[in-house]
Amino acid sequence: RFPPHPIRGVRVLHQKQNCAPQFAEIEVDFEPAAEGFAFEV
């Protein structure tokens, strides 16, 4: 099962600098749940 235990503070910076720039920075926690996928802010 994923995750087998809490996985906290997963931080990602996605940045591309070209003619079509991309920028997103997020930090998320993954908590075990009974089933399925849930996302919240």
ModelCIF file with pLDDT and N, C-alpha, C, O atoms, coordinates in Angstrom:
data_MODEL
#
_entry.id   MODEL 
#
_entity.id                         1 
_entity.type                       polymer 
_entity.pdbx_number_of_molecules   1 
#
_entity_poly.entity_id                      1 
_entity_poly.type                           'polypeptide(L)' 
_entity_poly.nstd_linkage                   no 
_entity_poly.nstd_monomer                   no 
_entity_poly.pdbx_seq_one_letter_code       RFPPHPIRGVRVLHQKQNCAPQFAEIEVDFEPAAEGFAFEV 
_entity_poly.pdbx_seq_one_letter_code_can   RFPPHPIRGVRVLHQKQNCAPQFAEIEVDFEPAAEGFAFEV 
_entity_poly.pdbx_strand_id                 A 
#
loop_
_entity_poly_seq.entity_id 
_entity_poly_seq.num 
_entity_poly_seq.mon_id 
_entity_poly_seq.hetero 
1 1  ARG n 
1 2  PHE n 
1 3  PRO n 
1 4  PRO n 
1 5  HIS n 
1 6  PRO n 
1 7  ILE n 
1 8  ARG n 
1 9  GLY n 
1 10 VAL n 
1 11 ARG n 
1 12 VAL n 
1 13 LEU n 
1 14 HIS n 
1 15 GLN n 
1 16 LYS n 
1 17 GLN n 
1 18 ASN n 
1 19 CYS n 
1 20 ALA n 
1 21 PRO n 
1 22 GLN n 
1 23 PHE n 
1 24 ALA n 
1 25 GLU n 
1 26 ILE n 
1 27 GLU n 
1 28 VAL n 
1 29 ASP n 
1 30 PHE n 
1 31 GLU n 
1 32 PRO n 
1 33 ALA n 
1 34 ALA n 
1 35 GLU n 
1 36 GLY n 
1 37 PHE n 
1 38 ALA n 
1 39 PHE n 
1 40 GLU n 
1 41 VAL n 
#
_struct_asym.id          A 
_struct_asym.entity_id   1 
#
loop_
_ma_qa_metric.id 
_ma_qa_metric.mode 
_ma_qa_metric.name 
_ma_qa_metric.software_group_id 
_ma_qa_metric.type 
1 global pLDDT . pLDDT 
2 local  pLDDT . pLDDT 
#
_ma_qa_metric_global.metric_id      1 
_ma_qa_metric_global.metric_value   95.63 
_ma_qa_metric_global.model_id       1 
_ma_qa_metric_global.ordinal_id     1 
#
loop_
_ma_qa_metric_local.label_asym_id 
_ma_qa_metric_local.label_comp_id 
_ma_qa_metric_local.label_seq_id 
_ma_qa_metric_local.metric_id 
_ma_qa_metric_local.metric_value 
_ma_qa_metric_local.model_id 
_ma_qa_metric_local.ordinal_id 
A ARG 1  2 94.00 1 1  
A PHE 2  2 96.00 1 2  
A PRO 3  2 96.00 1 3  
A PRO 4  2 94.00 1 4  
A HIS 5  2 95.00 1 5  
A PRO 6  2 97.00 1 6  
A ILE 7  2 97.00 1 7  
A ARG 8  2 97.00 1 8  
A GLY 9  2 98.00 1 9  
A VAL 10 2 98.00 1 10 
A ARG 11 2 98.00 1 11 
A VAL 12 2 98.00 1 12 
A LEU 13 2 98.00 1 13 
A HIS 14 2 97.00 1 14 
A GLN 15 2 96.00 1 15 
A LYS 16 2 92.00 1 16 
A GLN 17 2 87.00 1 17 
A ASN 18 2 85.00 1 18 
A CYS 19 2 83.00 1 19 
A ALA 20 2 85.00 1 20 
A PRO 21 2 93.00 1 21 
A GLN 22 2 96.00 1 22 
A PHE 23 2 97.00 1 23 
A ALA 24 2 98.00 1 24 
A GLU 25 2 98.00 1 25 
A ILE 26 2 98.00 1 26 
A GLU 27 2 98.00 1 27 
A VAL 28 2 98.00 1 28 
A ASP 29 2 98.00 1 29 
A PHE 30 2 98.00 1 30 
A GLU 31 2 98.00 1 31 
A PRO 32 2 97.00 1 32 
A ALA 33 2 97.00 1 33 
A ALA 34 2 95.00 1 34 
A GLU 35 2 94.00 1 35 
A GLY 36 2 97.00 1 36 
A PHE 37 2 98.00 1 37 
A ALA 38 2 98.00 1 38 
A PHE 39 2 98.00 1 39 
A GLU 40 2 98.00 1 40 
A VAL 41 2 98.00 1 41 
#
loop_
_atom_site.group_PDB 
_atom_site.id 
_atom_site.type_symbol 
_atom_site.label_atom_id 
_atom_site.label_alt_id 
_atom_site.label_comp_id 
_atom_site.label_asym_id 
_atom_site.label_entity_id 
_atom_site.label_seq_id 
_atom_site.pdbx_PDB_ins_code 
_atom_site.Cartn_x 
_atom_site.Cartn_y 
_atom_site.Cartn_z 
_atom_site.occupancy 
_atom_site.B_iso_or_equiv 
_atom_site.pdbx_formal_charge 
_atom_site.auth_seq_id 
_atom_site.auth_comp_id 
_atom_site.auth_asym_id 
_atom_site.auth_atom_id 
_atom_site.pdbx_PDB_model_num 
ATOM 1   N N  . ARG A 1 1  ? 0.856  -1.188 0.000   1.00 94.00 ? 1  ARG A N  1 
ATOM 2   C CA . ARG A 1 1  ? 0.000  0.000  0.000   1.00 94.00 ? 1  ARG A CA 1 
ATOM 3   C C  . ARG A 1 1  ? 0.888  1.233  0.000   1.00 94.00 ? 1  ARG A C  1 
ATOM 4   O O  . ARG A 1 1  ? 1.966  1.240  0.595   1.00 94.00 ? 1  ARG A O  1 
ATOM 5   N N  . PHE A 1 2  ? 0.423  2.266  -0.670  1.00 96.00 ? 2  PHE A N  1 
ATOM 6   C CA . PHE A 1 2  ? 1.164  3.522  -0.683  1.00 96.00 ? 2  PHE A CA 1 
ATOM 7   C C  . PHE A 1 2  ? 0.307  4.625  -0.105  1.00 96.00 ? 2  PHE A C  1 
ATOM 8   O O  . PHE A 1 2  ? -0.826 4.824  -0.542  1.00 96.00 ? 2  PHE A O  1 
ATOM 9   N N  . PRO A 1 3  ? 0.826  5.338  0.864   1.00 96.00 ? 3  PRO A N  1 
ATOM 10  C CA . PRO A 1 3  ? 2.116  5.146  1.531   1.00 96.00 ? 3  PRO A CA 1 
ATOM 11  C C  . PRO A 1 3  ? 1.976  4.201  2.718   1.00 96.00 ? 3  PRO A C  1 
ATOM 12  O O  . PRO A 1 3  ? 0.908  4.120  3.325   1.00 96.00 ? 3  PRO A O  1 
ATOM 13  N N  . PRO A 1 4  ? 3.044  3.489  3.052   1.00 94.00 ? 4  PRO A N  1 
ATOM 14  C CA . PRO A 1 4  ? 2.968  2.594  4.206   1.00 94.00 ? 4  PRO A CA 1 
ATOM 15  C C  . PRO A 1 4  ? 2.993  3.360  5.523   1.00 94.00 ? 4  PRO A C  1 
ATOM 16  O O  . PRO A 1 4  ? 2.606  2.828  6.564   1.00 94.00 ? 4  PRO A O  1 
ATOM 17  N N  . HIS A 1 5  ? 3.445  4.601  5.476   1.00 95.00 ? 5  HIS A N  1 
ATOM 18  C CA . HIS A 1 5  ? 3.545  5.474  6.642   1.00 95.00 ? 5  HIS A CA 1 
ATOM 19  C C  . HIS A 1 5  ? 3.491  6.913  6.119   1.00 95.00 ? 5  HIS A C  1 
ATOM 20  O O  . HIS A 1 5  ? 3.655  7.128  4.918   1.00 95.00 ? 5  HIS A O  1 
ATOM 21  N N  . PRO A 1 6  ? 3.266  7.901  6.987   1.00 97.00 ? 6  PRO A N  1 
ATOM 22  C CA . PRO A 1 6  ? 3.239  9.286  6.493   1.00 97.00 ? 6  PRO A CA 1 
ATOM 23  C C  . PRO A 1 6  ? 4.571  9.665  5.835   1.00 97.00 ? 6  PRO A C  1 
ATOM 24  O O  . PRO A 1 6  ? 5.646  9.336  6.336   1.00 97.00 ? 6  PRO A O  1 
ATOM 25  N N  . ILE A 1 7  ? 4.471  10.354 4.717   1.00 97.00 ? 7  ILE A N  1 
ATOM 26  C CA . ILE A 1 7  ? 5.640  10.903 4.030   1.00 97.00 ? 7  ILE A CA 1 
ATOM 27  C C  . ILE A 1 7  ? 5.369  12.393 3.920   1.00 97.00 ? 7  ILE A C  1 
ATOM 28  O O  . ILE A 1 7  ? 4.561  12.840 3.106   1.00 97.00 ? 7  ILE A O  1 
ATOM 29  N N  . ARG A 1 8  ? 6.059  13.146 4.752   1.00 97.00 ? 8  ARG A N  1 
ATOM 30  C CA . ARG A 1 8  ? 5.743  14.569 4.872   1.00 97.00 ? 8  ARG A CA 1 
ATOM 31  C C  . ARG A 1 8  ? 6.847  15.436 4.269   1.00 97.00 ? 8  ARG A C  1 
ATOM 32  O O  . ARG A 1 8  ? 8.005  15.034 4.163   1.00 97.00 ? 8  ARG A O  1 
ATOM 33  N N  . GLY A 1 9  ? 6.437  16.640 3.881   1.00 98.00 ? 9  GLY A N  1 
ATOM 34  C CA . GLY A 1 9  ? 7.397  17.629 3.407   1.00 98.00 ? 9  GLY A CA 1 
ATOM 35  C C  . GLY A 1 9  ? 8.021  17.315 2.064   1.00 98.00 ? 9  GLY A C  1 
ATOM 36  O O  . GLY A 1 9  ? 9.198  17.601 1.848   1.00 98.00 ? 9  GLY A O  1 
ATOM 37  N N  . VAL A 1 10 ? 7.252  16.732 1.157   1.00 98.00 ? 10 VAL A N  1 
ATOM 38  C CA . VAL A 1 10 ? 7.772  16.449 -0.181  1.00 98.00 ? 10 VAL A CA 1 
ATOM 39  C C  . VAL A 1 10 ? 7.693  17.746 -0.981  1.00 98.00 ? 10 VAL A C  1 
ATOM 40  O O  . VAL A 1 10 ? 6.614  18.199 -1.362  1.00 98.00 ? 10 VAL A O  1 
ATOM 41  N N  . ARG A 1 11 ? 8.859  18.325 -1.223  1.00 98.00 ? 11 ARG A N  1 
ATOM 42  C CA . ARG A 1 11 ? 8.935  19.642 -1.872  1.00 98.00 ? 11 ARG A CA 1 
ATOM 43  C C  . ARG A 1 11 ? 9.528  19.502 -3.264  1.00 98.00 ? 11 ARG A C  1 
ATOM 44  O O  . ARG A 1 11 ? 10.542 18.833 -3.461  1.00 98.00 ? 11 ARG A O  1 
ATOM 45  N N  . VAL A 1 12 ? 8.873  20.147 -4.226  1.00 98.00 ? 12 VAL A N  1 
ATOM 46  C CA . VAL A 1 12 ? 9.312  20.107 -5.618  1.00 98.00 ? 12 VAL A CA 1 
ATOM 47  C C  . VAL A 1 12 ? 9.284  21.513 -6.198  1.00 98.00 ? 12 VAL A C  1 
ATOM 48  O O  . VAL A 1 12 ? 8.317  22.255 -6.027  1.00 98.00 ? 12 VAL A O  1 
ATOM 49  N N  . LEU A 1 13 ? 10.360 21.861 -6.884  1.00 98.00 ? 13 LEU A N  1 
ATOM 50  C CA . LEU A 1 13 ? 10.409 23.089 -7.671  1.00 98.00 ? 13 LEU A CA 1 
ATOM 51  C C  . LEU A 1 13 ? 10.584 22.669 -9.119  1.00 98.00 ? 13 LEU A C  1 
ATOM 52  O O  . LEU A 1 13 ? 11.615 22.113 -9.497  1.00 98.00 ? 13 LEU A O  1 
ATOM 53  N N  . HIS A 1 14 ? 9.571  22.939 -9.920  1.00 97.00 ? 14 HIS A N  1 
ATOM 54  C CA . HIS A 1 14 ? 9.646  22.653 -11.366 1.00 97.00 ? 14 HIS A CA 1 
ATOM 55  C C  . HIS A 1 14 ? 9.796  23.989 -12.077 1.00 97.00 ? 14 HIS A C  1 
ATOM 56  O O  . HIS A 1 14 ? 8.919  24.850 -12.005 1.00 97.00 ? 14 HIS A O  1 
ATOM 57  N N  . GLN A 1 15 ? 10.920 24.146 -12.763 1.00 96.00 ? 15 GLN A N  1 
ATOM 58  C CA . GLN A 1 15 ? 11.190 25.417 -13.425 1.00 96.00 ? 15 GLN A CA 1 
ATOM 59  C C  . GLN A 1 15 ? 11.926 25.149 -14.732 1.00 96.00 ? 15 GLN A C  1 
ATOM 60  O O  . GLN A 1 15 ? 12.975 24.505 -14.748 1.00 96.00 ? 15 GLN A O  1 
ATOM 61  N N  . LYS A 1 16 ? 11.368 25.645 -15.814 1.00 92.00 ? 16 LYS A N  1 
ATOM 62  C CA . LYS A 1 16 ? 11.993 25.593 -17.136 1.00 92.00 ? 16 LYS A CA 1 
ATOM 63  C C  . LYS A 1 16 ? 12.008 27.002 -17.688 1.00 92.00 ? 16 LYS A C  1 
ATOM 64  O O  . LYS A 1 16 ? 10.993 27.699 -17.680 1.00 92.00 ? 16 LYS A O  1 
ATOM 65  N N  . GLN A 1 17 ? 13.160 27.411 -18.164 1.00 87.00 ? 17 GLN A N  1 
ATOM 66  C CA . GLN A 1 17 ? 13.260 28.742 -18.747 1.00 87.00 ? 17 GLN A CA 1 
ATOM 67  C C  . GLN A 1 17 ? 13.587 28.588 -20.222 1.00 87.00 ? 17 GLN A C  1 
ATOM 68  O O  . GLN A 1 17 ? 14.713 28.254 -20.592 1.00 87.00 ? 17 GLN A O  1 
ATOM 69  N N  . ASN A 1 18 ? 12.602 28.831 -21.047 1.00 85.00 ? 18 ASN A N  1 
ATOM 70  C CA . ASN A 1 18 ? 12.773 28.815 -22.498 1.00 85.00 ? 18 ASN A CA 1 
ATOM 71  C C  . ASN A 1 18 ? 11.662 29.685 -23.091 1.00 85.00 ? 18 ASN A C  1 
ATOM 72  O O  . ASN A 1 18 ? 11.083 30.513 -22.387 1.00 85.00 ? 18 ASN A O  1 
ATOM 73  N N  . CYS A 1 19 ? 11.366 29.507 -24.362 1.00 83.00 ? 19 CYS A N  1 
ATOM 74  C CA . CYS A 1 19 ? 10.327 30.339 -24.976 1.00 83.00 ? 19 CYS A CA 1 
ATOM 75  C C  . CYS A 1 19 ? 8.934  30.040 -24.411 1.00 83.00 ? 19 CYS A C  1 
ATOM 76  O O  . CYS A 1 19 ? 8.018  30.846 -24.572 1.00 83.00 ? 19 CYS A O  1 
ATOM 77  N N  . ALA A 1 20 ? 8.772  28.907 -23.763 1.00 85.00 ? 20 ALA A N  1 
ATOM 78  C CA . ALA A 1 20 ? 7.512  28.577 -23.076 1.00 85.00 ? 20 ALA A CA 1 
ATOM 79  C C  . ALA A 1 20 ? 7.852  28.235 -21.625 1.00 85.00 ? 20 ALA A C  1 
ATOM 80  O O  . ALA A 1 20 ? 7.894  27.059 -21.263 1.00 85.00 ? 20 ALA A O  1 
ATOM 81  N N  . PRO A 1 21 ? 8.097  29.257 -20.784 1.00 93.00 ? 21 PRO A N  1 
ATOM 82  C CA . PRO A 1 21 ? 8.559  28.988 -19.417 1.00 93.00 ? 21 PRO A CA 1 
ATOM 83  C C  . PRO A 1 21 ? 7.525  28.236 -18.581 1.00 93.00 ? 21 PRO A C  1 
ATOM 84  O O  . PRO A 1 21 ? 6.318  28.330 -18.804 1.00 93.00 ? 21 PRO A O  1 
ATOM 85  N N  . GLN A 1 22 ? 8.049  27.488 -17.614 1.00 96.00 ? 22 GLN A N  1 
ATOM 86  C CA . GLN A 1 22 ? 7.198  26.755 -16.680 1.00 96.00 ? 22 GLN A CA 1 
ATOM 87  C C  . GLN A 1 22 ? 7.718  26.997 -15.271 1.00 96.00 ? 22 GLN A C  1 
ATOM 88  O O  . GLN A 1 22 ? 8.925  26.966 -15.032 1.00 96.00 ? 22 GLN A O  1 
ATOM 89  N N  . PHE A 1 23 ? 6.802  27.238 -14.340 1.00 97.00 ? 23 PHE A N  1 
ATOM 90  C CA . PHE A 1 23 ? 7.179  27.421 -12.942 1.00 97.00 ? 23 PHE A CA 1 
ATOM 91  C C  . PHE A 1 23 ? 6.062  26.918 -12.039 1.00 97.00 ? 23 PHE A C  1 
ATOM 92  O O  . PHE A 1 23 ? 4.905  27.316 -12.173 1.00 97.00 ? 23 PHE A O  1 
ATOM 93  N N  . ALA A 1 24 ? 6.429  26.041 -11.125 1.00 98.00 ? 24 ALA A N  1 
ATOM 94  C CA . ALA A 1 24 ? 5.505  25.584 -10.079 1.00 98.00 ? 24 ALA A CA 1 
ATOM 95  C C  . ALA A 1 24 ? 6.345  25.068 -8.926  1.00 98.00 ? 24 ALA A C  1 
ATOM 96  O O  . ALA A 1 24 ? 7.301  24.317 -9.120  1.00 98.00 ? 24 ALA A O  1 
ATOM 97  N N  . GLU A 1 25 ? 5.979  25.476 -7.741  1.00 98.00 ? 25 GLU A N  1 
ATOM 98  C CA . GLU A 1 25 ? 6.622  24.944 -6.544  1.00 98.00 ? 25 GLU A CA 1 
ATOM 99  C C  . GLU A 1 25 ? 5.531  24.482 -5.607  1.00 98.00 ? 25 GLU A C  1 
ATOM 100 O O  . GLU A 1 25 ? 4.598  25.225 -5.303  1.00 98.00 ? 25 GLU A O  1 
ATOM 101 N N  . ILE A 1 26 ? 5.655  23.241 -5.148  1.00 98.00 ? 26 ILE A N  1 
ATOM 102 C CA . ILE A 1 26 ? 4.664  22.697 -4.228  1.00 98.00 ? 26 ILE A CA 1 
ATOM 103 C C  . ILE A 1 26 ? 5.363  21.920 -3.118  1.00 98.00 ? 26 ILE A C  1 
ATOM 104 O O  . ILE A 1 26 ? 6.476  21.420 -3.283  1.00 98.00 ? 26 ILE A O  1 
ATOM 105 N N  . GLU A 1 27 ? 4.682  21.838 -1.996  1.00 98.00 ? 27 GLU A N  1 
ATOM 106 C CA . GLU A 1 27 ? 5.101  20.952 -0.912  1.00 98.00 ? 27 GLU A CA 1 
ATOM 107 C C  . GLU A 1 27 ? 3.862  20.205 -0.452  1.00 98.00 ? 27 GLU A C  1 
ATOM 108 O O  . GLU A 1 27 ? 2.846  20.813 -0.116  1.00 98.00 ? 27 GLU A O  1 
ATOM 109 N N  . VAL A 1 28 ? 3.956  18.886 -0.441  1.00 98.00 ? 28 VAL A N  1 
ATOM 110 C CA . VAL A 1 28 ? 2.805  18.059 -0.102  1.00 98.00 ? 28 VAL A CA 1 
ATOM 111 C C  . VAL A 1 28 ? 3.180  17.019 0.952   1.00 98.00 ? 28 VAL A C  1 
ATOM 112 O O  . VAL A 1 28 ? 4.340  16.633 1.092   1.00 98.00 ? 28 VAL A O  1 
ATOM 113 N N  . ASP A 1 29 ? 2.170  16.587 1.679   1.00 98.00 ? 29 ASP A N  1 
ATOM 114 C CA . ASP A 1 29 ? 2.282  15.479 2.623   1.00 98.00 ? 29 ASP A CA 1 
ATOM 115 C C  . ASP A 1 29 ? 1.440  14.332 2.081   1.00 98.00 ? 29 ASP A C  1 
ATOM 116 O O  . ASP A 1 29 ? 0.342  14.544 1.566   1.00 98.00 ? 29 ASP A O  1 
ATOM 117 N N  . PHE A 1 30 ? 1.963  13.119 2.201   1.00 98.00 ? 30 PHE A N  1 
ATOM 118 C CA . PHE A 1 30 ? 1.230  11.911 1.829   1.00 98.00 ? 30 PHE A CA 1 
ATOM 119 C C  . PHE A 1 30 ? 0.896  11.181 3.121   1.00 98.00 ? 30 PHE A C  1 
ATOM 120 O O  . PHE A 1 30 ? 1.795  10.793 3.867   1.00 98.00 ? 30 PHE A O  1 
ATOM 121 N N  . GLU A 1 31 ? -0.388 10.994 3.386   1.00 98.00 ? 31 GLU A N  1 
ATOM 122 C CA . GLU A 1 31 ? -0.847 10.330 4.600   1.00 98.00 ? 31 GLU A CA 1 
ATOM 123 C C  . GLU A 1 31 ? -1.545 9.029  4.207   1.00 98.00 ? 31 GLU A C  1 
ATOM 124 O O  . GLU A 1 31 ? -2.275 8.996  3.216   1.00 98.00 ? 31 GLU A O  1 
ATOM 125 N N  . PRO A 1 32 ? -1.327 7.949  4.978   1.00 97.00 ? 32 PRO A N  1 
ATOM 126 C CA . PRO A 1 32 ? -2.070 6.721  4.694   1.00 97.00 ? 32 PRO A CA 1 
ATOM 127 C C  . PRO A 1 32 ? -3.573 6.954  4.819   1.00 97.00 ? 32 PRO A C  1 
ATOM 128 O O  . PRO A 1 32 ? -4.023 7.720  5.671   1.00 97.00 ? 32 PRO A O  1 
ATOM 129 N N  . ALA A 1 33 ? -4.331 6.297  3.975   1.00 97.00 ? 33 ALA A N  1 
ATOM 130 C CA . ALA A 1 33 ? -5.797 6.378  3.997   1.00 97.00 ? 33 ALA A CA 1 
ATOM 131 C C  . ALA A 1 33 ? -6.363 4.967  3.898   1.00 97.00 ? 33 ALA A C  1 
ATOM 132 O O  . ALA A 1 33 ? -5.635 4.015  3.614   1.00 97.00 ? 33 ALA A O  1 
ATOM 133 N N  . ALA A 1 34 ? -7.644 4.843  4.129   1.00 95.00 ? 34 ALA A N  1 
ATOM 134 C CA . ALA A 1 34 ? -8.288 3.529  4.052   1.00 95.00 ? 34 ALA A CA 1 
ATOM 135 C C  . ALA A 1 34 ? -8.196 2.950  2.638   1.00 95.00 ? 34 ALA A C  1 
ATOM 136 O O  . ALA A 1 34 ? -7.914 1.766  2.455   1.00 95.00 ? 34 ALA A O  1 
ATOM 137 N N  . GLU A 1 35 ? -8.442 3.816  1.633   1.00 94.00 ? 35 GLU A N  1 
ATOM 138 C CA . GLU A 1 35 ? -8.358 3.364  0.244   1.00 94.00 ? 35 GLU A CA 1 
ATOM 139 C C  . GLU A 1 35 ? -8.397 4.567  -0.681  1.00 94.00 ? 35 GLU A C  1 
ATOM 140 O O  . GLU A 1 35 ? -8.812 5.657  -0.287  1.00 94.00 ? 35 GLU A O  1 
ATOM 141 N N  . GLY A 1 36 ? -7.962 4.358  -1.911  1.00 97.00 ? 36 GLY A N  1 
ATOM 142 C CA . GLY A 1 36 ? -8.100 5.368  -2.950  1.00 97.00 ? 36 GLY A CA 1 
ATOM 143 C C  . GLY A 1 36 ? -7.168 6.559  -2.823  1.00 97.00 ? 36 GLY A C  1 
ATOM 144 O O  . GLY A 1 36 ? -6.159 6.523  -2.121  1.00 97.00 ? 36 GLY A O  1 
ATOM 145 N N  . PHE A 1 37 ? -7.546 7.619  -3.532  1.00 98.00 ? 37 PHE A N  1 
ATOM 146 C CA . PHE A 1 37 ? -6.751 8.835  -3.609  1.00 98.00 ? 37 PHE A CA 1 
ATOM 147 C C  . PHE A 1 37 ? -7.618 10.028 -3.242  1.00 98.00 ? 37 PHE A C  1 
ATOM 148 O O  . PHE A 1 37 ? -8.706 10.207 -3.791  1.00 98.00 ? 37 PHE A O  1 
ATOM 149 N N  . ALA A 1 38 ? -7.138 10.836 -2.322  1.00 98.00 ? 38 ALA A N  1 
ATOM 150 C CA . ALA A 1 38 ? -7.833 12.075 -1.952  1.00 98.00 ? 38 ALA A CA 1 
ATOM 151 C C  . ALA A 1 38 ? -6.796 13.191 -1.930  1.00 98.00 ? 38 ALA A C  1 
ATOM 152 O O  . ALA A 1 38 ? -5.656 12.984 -1.515  1.00 98.00 ? 38 ALA A O  1 
ATOM 153 N N  . PHE A 1 39 ? -7.202 14.368 -2.376  1.00 98.00 ? 39 PHE A N  1 
ATOM 154 C CA . PHE A 1 39 ? -6.315 15.521 -2.422  1.00 98.00 ? 39 PHE A CA 1 
ATOM 155 C C  . PHE A 1 39 ? -7.030 16.690 -1.765  1.00 98.00 ? 39 PHE A C  1 
ATOM 156 O O  . PHE A 1 39 ? -8.208 16.942 -2.019  1.00 98.00 ? 39 PHE A O  1 
ATOM 157 N N  . GLU A 1 40 ? -6.299 17.394 -0.922  1.00 98.00 ? 40 GLU A N  1 
ATOM 158 C CA . GLU A 1 40 ? -6.888 18.588 -0.316  1.00 98.00 ? 40 GLU A CA 1 
ATOM 159 C C  . GLU A 1 40 ? -5.831 19.666 -0.176  1.00 98.00 ? 40 GLU A C  1 
ATOM 160 O O  . GLU A 1 40 ? -4.631 19.395 -0.142  1.00 98.00 ? 40 GLU A O  1 
ATOM 161 N N  . VAL A 1 41 ? -6.308 20.883 -0.098  1.00 98.00 ? 41 VAL A N  1 
ATOM 162 C CA . VAL A 1 41 ? -5.451 22.048 0.093   1.00 98.00 ? 41 VAL A CA 1 
ATOM 163 C C  . VAL A 1 41 ? -5.571 22.448 1.560   1.00 98.00 ? 41 VAL A C  1 
ATOM 164 O O  . VAL A 1 41 ? -4.941 23.414 1.990   1.00 98.00 ? 41 VAL A O  1 
#
